[in-house]
Amino acid sequence: MTGKPHNKPRVPPGQTQTGKFPVLDLGIRPLFDPVRWRFTVNGLAARPMELDWTAFQALPRVRAQADFHCVTGWSRLDVDWGGVAMAELARLAQPLPEARFVVAWCADGYTTNLPLAEALAANVLLADTLDGQPLPLEHGGPVRLVVPDLYAWKSAKFLTGLTFLAQDQPGYWEQRGYHNHGDPWTEERYG
């Protein structure tokens, strides 16, 4: 798995490359308890599921090197993520034909929305490692959605579930004036 596979510049307009990995969140960092943690997939799915930590860790694994672009103006290139491909999870859950969107929801109350077609891109994953180590809490551990082709607010931290929907349902920042899509190359920052 690799980053953005097209002829656009790696660093989008209005972004500055950084070697740091700034931490932004809602100010709530839910502690991870591997015994109680659950990941739920529901909505318009033929095979809704609830996975505990052991079952999630047993899913097929991928590694991805992807660029990461924050709406605040920084980009970090070649971030090394590991986890479960979103397409693999969807293959298991089998979204129904009428499912056109997915909402990611998180342990801190955060949500974000994606068109299902973009969520199933080859470079989208549910990351639980960063640089070969367990994903740290400050970067969204134990599991973070990683959507390299969109601004990082779509890469939801503390991920605990996905809901497949027929209609779009704007998430936390989308309801507060951020663009519903979030393409860094067209600077879709605000709605």
N, C-alpha and C. Protein backbone atom coordinates (compact mmCIF):
# COMPACT_ATOMS: atom_id res chain seq x y z
N MET A 1 0.85 -1.18 0.00
CA MET A 1 0.00 0.00 0.00
C MET A 1 0.89 1.24 0.00
N THR A 2 0.53 2.20 -0.80
CA THR A 2 1.32 3.42 -0.89
C THR A 2 0.42 4.64 -0.78
N GLY A 3 1.02 5.81 -0.79
CA GLY A 3 0.28 7.06 -0.71
C GLY A 3 -0.44 7.38 -2.01
N LYS A 4 -0.72 8.64 -2.22
CA LYS A 4 -1.55 9.13 -3.33
C LYS A 4 -0.93 8.76 -4.68
N PRO A 5 -1.57 7.84 -5.44
CA PRO A 5 -0.99 7.33 -6.69
C PRO A 5 -1.41 8.13 -7.91
N HIS A 6 -1.04 9.40 -7.98
CA HIS A 6 -1.39 10.22 -9.14
C HIS A 6 -0.31 11.26 -9.34
N ASN A 7 -0.52 12.14 -10.28
CA ASN A 7 0.53 13.09 -10.62
C ASN A 7 0.41 14.42 -9.87
N LYS A 8 -0.39 14.49 -8.83
CA LYS A 8 -0.48 15.71 -8.02
C LYS A 8 0.77 15.82 -7.15
N PRO A 9 1.13 17.04 -6.74
CA PRO A 9 2.29 17.17 -5.85
C PRO A 9 2.04 16.47 -4.52
N ARG A 10 3.09 15.95 -3.93
CA ARG A 10 2.93 15.24 -2.65
C ARG A 10 2.46 16.17 -1.55
N VAL A 11 2.97 17.40 -1.55
CA VAL A 11 2.54 18.36 -0.54
C VAL A 11 1.48 19.26 -1.19
N PRO A 12 0.23 19.15 -0.73
CA PRO A 12 -0.86 19.93 -1.34
C PRO A 12 -0.69 21.44 -1.15
N PRO A 13 -1.42 22.23 -1.93
CA PRO A 13 -1.37 23.68 -1.77
C PRO A 13 -1.75 24.09 -0.34
N GLY A 14 -1.07 25.11 0.17
CA GLY A 14 -1.39 25.61 1.50
C GLY A 14 -0.82 24.79 2.64
N GLN A 15 -0.05 23.75 2.32
CA GLN A 15 0.53 22.87 3.34
C GLN A 15 2.03 23.10 3.42
N THR A 16 2.61 22.84 4.60
CA THR A 16 4.05 22.90 4.83
C THR A 16 4.51 21.55 5.35
N GLN A 17 5.53 20.99 4.74
CA GLN A 17 6.06 19.70 5.17
C GLN A 17 6.72 19.83 6.53
N THR A 18 6.49 18.85 7.40
CA THR A 18 7.11 18.81 8.72
C THR A 18 7.62 17.40 9.01
N GLY A 19 8.66 17.30 9.81
CA GLY A 19 9.15 16.01 10.27
C GLY A 19 8.52 15.64 11.60
N LYS A 20 7.84 16.60 12.21
CA LYS A 20 7.16 16.33 13.48
C LYS A 20 5.81 15.68 13.20
N PHE A 21 5.16 15.22 14.26
CA PHE A 21 3.81 14.67 14.12
C PHE A 21 2.95 15.31 15.19
N PRO A 22 2.49 16.55 14.91
CA PRO A 22 1.67 17.26 15.91
C PRO A 22 0.46 16.44 16.33
N VAL A 23 0.00 16.70 17.54
CA VAL A 23 -1.14 15.97 18.10
C VAL A 23 -2.31 16.93 18.28
N LEU A 24 -3.41 16.65 17.60
CA LEU A 24 -4.64 17.43 17.73
C LEU A 24 -5.79 16.45 18.00
N ASP A 25 -6.64 16.81 18.94
CA ASP A 25 -7.82 15.99 19.23
C ASP A 25 -8.84 16.84 19.96
N LEU A 26 -9.92 16.23 20.42
CA LEU A 26 -10.98 16.96 21.11
C LEU A 26 -10.65 17.23 22.57
N GLY A 27 -9.49 16.79 23.04
CA GLY A 27 -9.12 16.97 24.43
C GLY A 27 -9.52 15.80 25.32
N ILE A 28 -10.08 14.77 24.70
CA ILE A 28 -10.48 13.56 25.42
C ILE A 28 -9.66 12.41 24.85
N ARG A 29 -8.94 11.71 25.70
CA ARG A 29 -8.15 10.57 25.23
C ARG A 29 -8.56 9.33 26.02
N PRO A 30 -9.53 8.59 25.50
CA PRO A 30 -10.04 7.42 26.22
C PRO A 30 -8.95 6.37 26.41
N LEU A 31 -8.82 5.89 27.61
CA LEU A 31 -7.84 4.85 27.88
C LEU A 31 -8.26 3.55 27.24
N PHE A 32 -7.29 2.78 26.82
CA PHE A 32 -7.53 1.51 26.13
C PHE A 32 -7.47 0.36 27.13
N ASP A 33 -8.55 -0.40 27.18
CA ASP A 33 -8.61 -1.62 27.98
C ASP A 33 -8.86 -2.77 26.99
N PRO A 34 -7.84 -3.59 26.70
CA PRO A 34 -7.99 -4.64 25.69
C PRO A 34 -9.07 -5.67 26.04
N VAL A 35 -9.42 -5.79 27.30
CA VAL A 35 -10.47 -6.74 27.69
C VAL A 35 -11.85 -6.19 27.35
N ARG A 36 -12.05 -4.91 27.51
CA ARG A 36 -13.37 -4.31 27.29
C ARG A 36 -13.55 -3.72 25.89
N TRP A 37 -12.46 -3.48 25.18
CA TRP A 37 -12.54 -2.83 23.88
C TRP A 37 -13.36 -3.66 22.90
N ARG A 38 -14.23 -2.99 22.14
CA ARG A 38 -15.02 -3.64 21.11
C ARG A 38 -15.03 -2.75 19.86
N PHE A 39 -15.06 -3.41 18.70
CA PHE A 39 -15.17 -2.72 17.42
C PHE A 39 -16.43 -3.25 16.75
N THR A 40 -17.35 -2.34 16.44
CA THR A 40 -18.65 -2.72 15.90
C THR A 40 -18.79 -2.23 14.46
N VAL A 41 -19.30 -3.09 13.61
CA VAL A 41 -19.64 -2.73 12.24
C VAL A 41 -21.13 -3.03 12.08
N ASN A 42 -21.91 -1.99 11.71
CA ASN A 42 -23.35 -2.18 11.62
C ASN A 42 -23.94 -1.32 10.51
N GLY A 43 -25.25 -1.14 10.55
CA GLY A 43 -25.95 -0.39 9.50
C GLY A 43 -26.30 -1.31 8.36
N LEU A 44 -26.12 -0.83 7.15
CA LEU A 44 -26.50 -1.58 5.95
C LEU A 44 -25.40 -2.57 5.58
N ALA A 45 -25.31 -3.62 6.38
CA ALA A 45 -24.30 -4.67 6.18
C ALA A 45 -24.98 -6.02 6.28
N ALA A 46 -24.67 -6.92 5.36
CA ALA A 46 -25.23 -8.27 5.40
C ALA A 46 -24.70 -9.05 6.60
N ARG A 47 -23.48 -8.71 7.02
CA ARG A 47 -22.86 -9.42 8.14
C ARG A 47 -22.34 -8.41 9.17
N PRO A 48 -23.26 -7.76 9.92
CA PRO A 48 -22.78 -6.87 10.97
C PRO A 48 -21.93 -7.67 11.95
N MET A 49 -21.03 -6.99 12.64
CA MET A 49 -20.12 -7.73 13.52
C MET A 49 -19.69 -6.89 14.70
N GLU A 50 -19.30 -7.59 15.75
CA GLU A 50 -18.64 -6.96 16.88
C GLU A 50 -17.39 -7.78 17.17
N LEU A 51 -16.26 -7.11 17.15
CA LEU A 51 -14.98 -7.78 17.36
C LEU A 51 -14.37 -7.33 18.67
N ASP A 52 -13.82 -8.27 19.43
CA ASP A 52 -13.02 -7.88 20.58
C ASP A 52 -11.59 -7.65 20.09
N TRP A 53 -10.70 -7.26 21.00
CA TRP A 53 -9.33 -6.92 20.60
C TRP A 53 -8.61 -8.12 19.98
N THR A 54 -8.80 -9.31 20.53
CA THR A 54 -8.15 -10.50 20.00
C THR A 54 -8.62 -10.78 18.57
N ALA A 55 -9.93 -10.69 18.34
CA ALA A 55 -10.48 -10.94 17.00
C ALA A 55 -10.01 -9.87 16.01
N PHE A 56 -9.95 -8.61 16.46
CA PHE A 56 -9.47 -7.56 15.56
C PHE A 56 -8.02 -7.81 15.17
N GLN A 57 -7.19 -8.16 16.14
CA GLN A 57 -5.78 -8.44 15.87
C GLN A 57 -5.58 -9.64 14.96
N ALA A 58 -6.55 -10.55 14.91
CA ALA A 58 -6.44 -11.75 14.08
C ALA A 58 -6.81 -11.50 12.62
N LEU A 59 -7.37 -10.32 12.30
CA LEU A 59 -7.73 -10.02 10.91
C LEU A 59 -6.45 -9.89 10.08
N PRO A 60 -6.55 -10.11 8.76
CA PRO A 60 -5.38 -9.96 7.89
C PRO A 60 -4.76 -8.57 8.03
N ARG A 61 -3.44 -8.52 8.07
CA ARG A 61 -2.70 -7.30 8.33
C ARG A 61 -2.06 -6.73 7.08
N VAL A 62 -1.93 -5.40 7.04
CA VAL A 62 -1.23 -4.71 5.96
C VAL A 62 -0.33 -3.63 6.57
N ARG A 63 0.68 -3.25 5.82
CA ARG A 63 1.52 -2.09 6.16
C ARG A 63 1.33 -1.07 5.05
N ALA A 64 1.33 0.19 5.41
CA ALA A 64 1.15 1.25 4.43
C ALA A 64 2.03 2.43 4.78
N GLN A 65 2.71 2.94 3.79
CA GLN A 65 3.45 4.18 3.96
C GLN A 65 2.64 5.25 3.25
N ALA A 66 2.16 6.23 4.01
CA ALA A 66 1.25 7.21 3.42
C ALA A 66 1.54 8.60 3.97
N ASP A 67 1.27 9.60 3.15
CA ASP A 67 1.40 10.98 3.58
C ASP A 67 0.16 11.37 4.38
N PHE A 68 0.33 12.33 5.27
CA PHE A 68 -0.72 12.72 6.22
C PHE A 68 -0.82 14.24 6.21
N HIS A 69 -2.01 14.77 5.91
CA HIS A 69 -2.19 16.20 5.70
C HIS A 69 -3.23 16.76 6.67
N CYS A 70 -2.81 17.66 7.54
CA CYS A 70 -3.72 18.27 8.51
C CYS A 70 -4.30 19.56 7.94
N VAL A 71 -5.57 19.80 8.20
CA VAL A 71 -6.25 21.00 7.73
C VAL A 71 -5.61 22.27 8.30
N THR A 72 -4.87 22.15 9.39
CA THR A 72 -4.21 23.33 9.98
C THR A 72 -2.98 23.76 9.20
N GLY A 73 -2.58 22.98 8.18
CA GLY A 73 -1.53 23.43 7.26
C GLY A 73 -0.24 22.65 7.27
N TRP A 74 -0.13 21.58 8.02
CA TRP A 74 1.10 20.79 7.98
C TRP A 74 0.87 19.45 7.31
N SER A 75 1.93 18.93 6.72
CA SER A 75 1.92 17.61 6.09
C SER A 75 3.14 16.83 6.55
N ARG A 76 2.93 15.59 6.94
CA ARG A 76 4.04 14.71 7.27
C ARG A 76 4.05 13.61 6.21
N LEU A 77 5.19 13.43 5.57
CA LEU A 77 5.30 12.47 4.48
C LEU A 77 5.80 11.12 4.99
N ASP A 78 5.40 10.08 4.28
CA ASP A 78 5.89 8.71 4.51
C ASP A 78 5.66 8.20 5.93
N VAL A 79 4.46 8.40 6.44
CA VAL A 79 4.11 7.86 7.75
C VAL A 79 3.91 6.35 7.59
N ASP A 80 4.50 5.58 8.47
CA ASP A 80 4.46 4.11 8.40
C ASP A 80 3.34 3.59 9.31
N TRP A 81 2.23 3.17 8.69
CA TRP A 81 1.07 2.65 9.41
C TRP A 81 0.97 1.14 9.21
N GLY A 82 0.35 0.48 10.14
CA GLY A 82 0.02 -0.94 10.00
C GLY A 82 -1.35 -1.18 10.58
N GLY A 83 -2.05 -2.16 10.04
CA GLY A 83 -3.38 -2.47 10.55
C GLY A 83 -4.16 -3.32 9.59
N VAL A 84 -5.45 -3.05 9.50
CA VAL A 84 -6.39 -3.82 8.69
C VAL A 84 -6.89 -2.93 7.56
N ALA A 85 -6.82 -3.41 6.34
CA ALA A 85 -7.34 -2.64 5.21
C ALA A 85 -8.85 -2.48 5.35
N MET A 86 -9.33 -1.27 5.13
CA MET A 86 -10.77 -1.01 5.18
C MET A 86 -11.50 -1.91 4.20
N ALA A 87 -10.93 -2.15 3.04
CA ALA A 87 -11.57 -3.02 2.05
C ALA A 87 -11.73 -4.44 2.59
N GLU A 88 -10.78 -4.91 3.38
CA GLU A 88 -10.88 -6.24 3.99
C GLU A 88 -12.03 -6.29 5.00
N LEU A 89 -12.14 -5.27 5.81
CA LEU A 89 -13.23 -5.23 6.79
C LEU A 89 -14.58 -5.19 6.07
N ALA A 90 -14.67 -4.41 5.01
CA ALA A 90 -15.90 -4.34 4.23
C ALA A 90 -16.20 -5.67 3.56
N ARG A 91 -15.18 -6.36 3.11
CA ARG A 91 -15.39 -7.69 2.51
C ARG A 91 -16.04 -8.62 3.52
N LEU A 92 -15.61 -8.55 4.77
CA LEU A 92 -16.17 -9.39 5.81
C LEU A 92 -17.59 -8.97 6.19
N ALA A 93 -17.83 -7.67 6.28
CA ALA A 93 -19.14 -7.16 6.69
C ALA A 93 -20.16 -7.16 5.56
N GLN A 94 -19.70 -7.13 4.34
CA GLN A 94 -20.55 -7.14 3.15
C GLN A 94 -21.60 -6.02 3.15
N PRO A 95 -21.17 -4.76 2.92
CA PRO A 95 -22.15 -3.68 2.82
C PRO A 95 -23.21 -4.00 1.76
N LEU A 96 -24.45 -3.68 2.05
CA LEU A 96 -25.54 -3.92 1.11
C LEU A 96 -25.42 -2.98 -0.08
N PRO A 97 -26.02 -3.34 -1.22
CA PRO A 97 -25.90 -2.50 -2.42
C PRO A 97 -26.33 -1.05 -2.21
N GLU A 98 -27.29 -0.80 -1.33
CA GLU A 98 -27.76 0.57 -1.11
C GLU A 98 -26.83 1.39 -0.20
N ALA A 99 -25.84 0.76 0.41
CA ALA A 99 -24.88 1.48 1.25
C ALA A 99 -23.97 2.32 0.36
N ARG A 100 -23.99 3.63 0.56
CA ARG A 100 -23.17 4.54 -0.23
C ARG A 100 -22.23 5.39 0.61
N PHE A 101 -22.42 5.34 1.93
CA PHE A 101 -21.60 6.14 2.85
C PHE A 101 -21.22 5.29 4.05
N VAL A 102 -20.21 5.75 4.76
CA VAL A 102 -19.83 5.11 6.02
C VAL A 102 -19.54 6.22 7.03
N VAL A 103 -19.99 6.00 8.25
CA VAL A 103 -19.68 6.91 9.35
C VAL A 103 -18.75 6.16 10.30
N ALA A 104 -17.65 6.81 10.64
CA ALA A 104 -16.72 6.28 11.63
C ALA A 104 -17.06 6.92 12.96
N TRP A 105 -17.14 6.11 14.01
CA TRP A 105 -17.39 6.67 15.33
C TRP A 105 -16.33 6.20 16.29
N CYS A 106 -16.13 7.03 17.32
CA CYS A 106 -14.94 6.91 18.14
C CYS A 106 -15.28 6.97 19.63
N ALA A 107 -14.35 6.48 20.44
CA ALA A 107 -14.56 6.38 21.88
C ALA A 107 -14.68 7.74 22.56
N ASP A 108 -14.22 8.81 21.91
CA ASP A 108 -14.32 10.14 22.51
C ASP A 108 -15.56 10.90 22.06
N GLY A 109 -16.47 10.25 21.33
CA GLY A 109 -17.69 10.88 20.84
C GLY A 109 -17.56 11.48 19.45
N TYR A 110 -16.37 11.44 18.88
CA TYR A 110 -16.11 12.00 17.55
C TYR A 110 -16.71 11.11 16.48
N THR A 111 -17.17 11.72 15.40
CA THR A 111 -17.61 10.98 14.22
C THR A 111 -17.10 11.71 12.98
N THR A 112 -16.98 10.97 11.89
CA THR A 112 -16.71 11.58 10.59
C THR A 112 -17.33 10.69 9.52
N ASN A 113 -17.60 11.29 8.38
CA ASN A 113 -18.30 10.61 7.29
C ASN A 113 -17.43 10.52 6.04
N LEU A 114 -17.67 9.46 5.28
CA LEU A 114 -16.96 9.26 4.01
C LEU A 114 -17.89 8.61 3.00
N PRO A 115 -17.75 8.97 1.73
CA PRO A 115 -18.41 8.17 0.70
C PRO A 115 -17.81 6.76 0.75
N LEU A 116 -18.63 5.75 0.64
CA LEU A 116 -18.14 4.38 0.74
C LEU A 116 -17.07 4.09 -0.31
N ALA A 117 -17.25 4.59 -1.51
CA ALA A 117 -16.27 4.34 -2.57
C ALA A 117 -14.88 4.84 -2.17
N GLU A 118 -14.79 5.98 -1.49
CA GLU A 118 -13.48 6.49 -1.06
C GLU A 118 -12.96 5.73 0.16
N ALA A 119 -13.86 5.31 1.03
CA ALA A 119 -13.44 4.53 2.20
C ALA A 119 -12.83 3.20 1.79
N LEU A 120 -13.22 2.69 0.64
CA LEU A 120 -12.72 1.40 0.16
C LEU A 120 -11.46 1.52 -0.70
N ALA A 121 -10.89 2.71 -0.81
CA ALA A 121 -9.66 2.88 -1.57
C ALA A 121 -8.56 1.98 -1.00
N ALA A 122 -7.66 1.57 -1.84
CA ALA A 122 -6.62 0.62 -1.45
C ALA A 122 -5.72 1.11 -0.32
N ASN A 123 -5.60 2.44 -0.14
CA ASN A 123 -4.69 2.95 0.90
C ASN A 123 -5.40 3.35 2.19
N VAL A 124 -6.67 3.03 2.35
CA VAL A 124 -7.41 3.34 3.57
C VAL A 124 -7.32 2.15 4.51
N LEU A 125 -6.95 2.41 5.76
CA LEU A 125 -6.84 1.31 6.70
C LEU A 125 -7.25 1.71 8.11
N LEU A 126 -7.49 0.70 8.91
CA LEU A 126 -7.75 0.84 10.33
C LEU A 126 -6.42 0.53 10.99
N ALA A 127 -5.69 1.58 11.32
CA ALA A 127 -4.31 1.44 11.78
C ALA A 127 -4.26 1.19 13.28
N ASP A 128 -3.43 0.22 13.66
CA ASP A 128 -3.17 -0.02 15.08
C ASP A 128 -1.66 -0.03 15.37
N THR A 129 -0.85 0.28 14.34
CA THR A 129 0.58 0.49 14.58
C THR A 129 1.03 1.75 13.86
N LEU A 130 2.06 2.35 14.42
CA LEU A 130 2.71 3.52 13.84
C LEU A 130 4.20 3.27 13.97
N ASP A 131 4.91 3.31 12.85
CA ASP A 131 6.35 3.03 12.83
C ASP A 131 6.67 1.67 13.45
N GLY A 132 5.81 0.69 13.21
CA GLY A 132 6.04 -0.68 13.67
C GLY A 132 5.74 -0.92 15.14
N GLN A 133 5.24 0.08 15.84
CA GLN A 133 4.92 -0.05 17.27
C GLN A 133 3.41 0.13 17.46
N PRO A 134 2.85 -0.38 18.57
CA PRO A 134 1.43 -0.14 18.82
C PRO A 134 1.11 1.35 18.73
N LEU A 135 -0.01 1.68 18.11
CA LEU A 135 -0.41 3.07 17.91
C LEU A 135 -0.57 3.76 19.26
N PRO A 136 0.23 4.81 19.53
CA PRO A 136 0.14 5.48 20.83
C PRO A 136 -1.20 6.19 21.01
N LEU A 137 -1.60 6.32 22.25
CA LEU A 137 -2.86 6.97 22.59
C LEU A 137 -2.95 8.37 21.97
N GLU A 138 -1.88 9.15 22.03
CA GLU A 138 -1.95 10.52 21.52
C GLU A 138 -2.18 10.58 20.01
N HIS A 139 -1.90 9.51 19.30
CA HIS A 139 -2.15 9.46 17.86
C HIS A 139 -3.38 8.64 17.52
N GLY A 140 -4.21 8.36 18.55
CA GLY A 140 -5.50 7.73 18.29
C GLY A 140 -5.61 6.28 18.64
N GLY A 141 -4.61 5.73 19.34
CA GLY A 141 -4.64 4.32 19.69
C GLY A 141 -5.80 3.95 20.58
N PRO A 142 -6.24 2.72 20.49
CA PRO A 142 -5.54 1.61 19.86
C PRO A 142 -5.74 1.50 18.35
N VAL A 143 -6.84 2.11 17.81
CA VAL A 143 -7.12 1.99 16.37
C VAL A 143 -7.54 3.35 15.84
N ARG A 144 -6.97 3.69 14.70
CA ARG A 144 -7.29 4.95 14.03
C ARG A 144 -7.61 4.66 12.57
N LEU A 145 -8.65 5.28 12.06
CA LEU A 145 -8.92 5.24 10.63
C LEU A 145 -7.89 6.12 9.94
N VAL A 146 -7.28 5.64 8.87
CA VAL A 146 -6.30 6.42 8.11
C VAL A 146 -6.80 6.54 6.67
N VAL A 147 -7.07 7.79 6.26
CA VAL A 147 -7.59 8.09 4.92
C VAL A 147 -6.61 9.08 4.28
N PRO A 148 -5.51 8.59 3.69
CA PRO A 148 -4.44 9.46 3.21
C PRO A 148 -4.85 10.49 2.16
N ASP A 149 -5.88 10.23 1.37
CA ASP A 149 -6.24 11.13 0.29
C ASP A 149 -7.10 12.30 0.73
N LEU A 150 -7.45 12.37 2.03
CA LEU A 150 -8.27 13.46 2.55
C LEU A 150 -7.57 14.09 3.75
N TYR A 151 -8.03 15.28 4.12
CA TYR A 151 -7.47 15.92 5.31
C TYR A 151 -7.61 15.00 6.51
N ALA A 152 -6.72 15.17 7.47
CA ALA A 152 -6.60 14.24 8.60
C ALA A 152 -7.80 14.20 9.52
N TRP A 153 -8.71 15.18 9.48
CA TRP A 153 -9.88 15.05 10.35
C TRP A 153 -10.75 13.87 9.92
N LYS A 154 -10.56 13.39 8.71
CA LYS A 154 -11.26 12.18 8.26
C LYS A 154 -10.59 10.91 8.78
N SER A 155 -9.37 11.03 9.28
CA SER A 155 -8.61 9.90 9.85
C SER A 155 -8.89 9.82 11.35
N ALA A 156 -10.09 9.40 11.67
CA ALA A 156 -10.64 9.45 13.03
C ALA A 156 -9.81 8.64 14.03
N LYS A 157 -9.54 9.28 15.18
CA LYS A 157 -8.81 8.64 16.28
C LYS A 157 -9.75 7.84 17.17
N PHE A 158 -9.18 6.92 17.95
CA PHE A 158 -9.89 6.14 18.97
C PHE A 158 -11.10 5.41 18.35
N LEU A 159 -10.91 4.88 17.14
CA LEU A 159 -11.99 4.28 16.36
C LEU A 159 -12.58 3.06 17.07
N THR A 160 -13.91 3.04 17.17
CA THR A 160 -14.60 1.91 17.80
C THR A 160 -15.71 1.33 16.92
N GLY A 161 -15.98 1.95 15.76
CA GLY A 161 -17.02 1.37 14.93
C GLY A 161 -17.22 2.09 13.62
N LEU A 162 -17.94 1.39 12.75
CA LEU A 162 -18.31 1.90 11.43
C LEU A 162 -19.77 1.58 11.19
N THR A 163 -20.49 2.52 10.59
CA THR A 163 -21.89 2.30 10.22
C THR A 163 -22.04 2.58 8.74
N PHE A 164 -22.54 1.61 8.00
CA PHE A 164 -22.80 1.78 6.57
C PHE A 164 -24.20 2.37 6.40
N LEU A 165 -24.30 3.42 5.57
CA LEU A 165 -25.56 4.15 5.40
C LEU A 165 -25.88 4.38 3.93
N ALA A 166 -27.16 4.56 3.63
CA ALA A 166 -27.60 4.92 2.28
C ALA A 166 -27.44 6.42 2.05
N GLN A 167 -27.65 7.22 3.09
CA GLN A 167 -27.58 8.68 3.00
C GLN A 167 -26.37 9.19 3.78
N ASP A 168 -25.82 10.28 3.32
CA ASP A 168 -24.68 10.89 4.00
C ASP A 168 -25.12 11.43 5.37
N GLN A 169 -24.23 11.34 6.33
CA GLN A 169 -24.48 11.85 7.69
C GLN A 169 -23.23 12.59 8.16
N PRO A 170 -23.20 13.91 7.99
CA PRO A 170 -22.00 14.67 8.38
C PRO A 170 -21.59 14.40 9.82
N GLY A 171 -20.27 14.39 10.04
CA GLY A 171 -19.72 14.09 11.34
C GLY A 171 -19.45 15.34 12.17
N TYR A 172 -18.62 15.18 13.18
CA TYR A 172 -18.35 16.22 14.17
C TYR A 172 -17.90 17.53 13.53
N TRP A 173 -16.79 17.52 12.79
CA TRP A 173 -16.28 18.76 12.21
C TRP A 173 -17.11 19.22 11.02
N GLU A 174 -17.67 18.28 10.29
CA GLU A 174 -18.51 18.63 9.14
C GLU A 174 -19.73 19.43 9.60
N GLN A 175 -20.28 19.09 10.77
CA GLN A 175 -21.42 19.82 11.33
C GLN A 175 -21.01 21.19 11.86
N ARG A 176 -19.71 21.41 12.03
CA ARG A 176 -19.21 22.66 12.58
C ARG A 176 -18.51 23.53 11.53
N GLY A 177 -18.81 23.31 10.27
CA GLY A 177 -18.34 24.20 9.22
C GLY A 177 -17.20 23.69 8.35
N TYR A 178 -16.63 22.53 8.70
CA TYR A 178 -15.59 21.99 7.82
C TYR A 178 -16.25 21.42 6.57
N HIS A 179 -15.48 21.34 5.51
CA HIS A 179 -15.99 20.80 4.24
C HIS A 179 -16.45 19.36 4.44
N ASN A 180 -17.48 18.98 3.75
CA ASN A 180 -18.01 17.62 3.90
C ASN A 180 -17.08 16.56 3.30
N HIS A 181 -16.23 16.97 2.35
CA HIS A 181 -15.36 16.01 1.67
C HIS A 181 -13.92 16.07 2.19
N GLY A 182 -13.24 17.19 2.05
CA GLY A 182 -11.92 17.37 2.63
C GLY A 182 -10.73 16.99 1.77
N ASP A 183 -10.76 17.30 0.47
CA ASP A 183 -9.64 17.00 -0.41
C ASP A 183 -8.55 18.06 -0.25
N PRO A 184 -7.34 17.66 0.21
CA PRO A 184 -6.26 18.65 0.40
C PRO A 184 -5.79 19.30 -0.89
N TRP A 185 -5.87 18.62 -2.03
CA TRP A 185 -5.34 19.16 -3.27
C TRP A 185 -6.25 20.23 -3.87
N THR A 186 -7.51 20.27 -3.47
CA THR A 186 -8.40 21.34 -3.90
C THR A 186 -8.74 22.26 -2.72
N GLU A 187 -8.02 22.08 -1.62
CA GLU A 187 -8.16 22.88 -0.40
C GLU A 187 -9.62 22.96 0.09
N GLU A 188 -10.23 21.79 0.17
CA GLU A 188 -11.59 21.71 0.70
C GLU A 188 -11.54 21.72 2.23
N ARG A 189 -11.19 22.88 2.76
CA ARG A 189 -11.04 23.02 4.20
C ARG A 189 -12.37 23.27 4.90
N TYR A 190 -13.11 24.24 4.39
CA TYR A 190 -14.35 24.64 5.06
C TYR A 190 -15.50 24.62 4.06
N GLY A 191 -16.70 24.36 4.57
CA GLY A 191 -17.89 24.18 3.73
C GLY A 191 -18.44 25.42 3.13
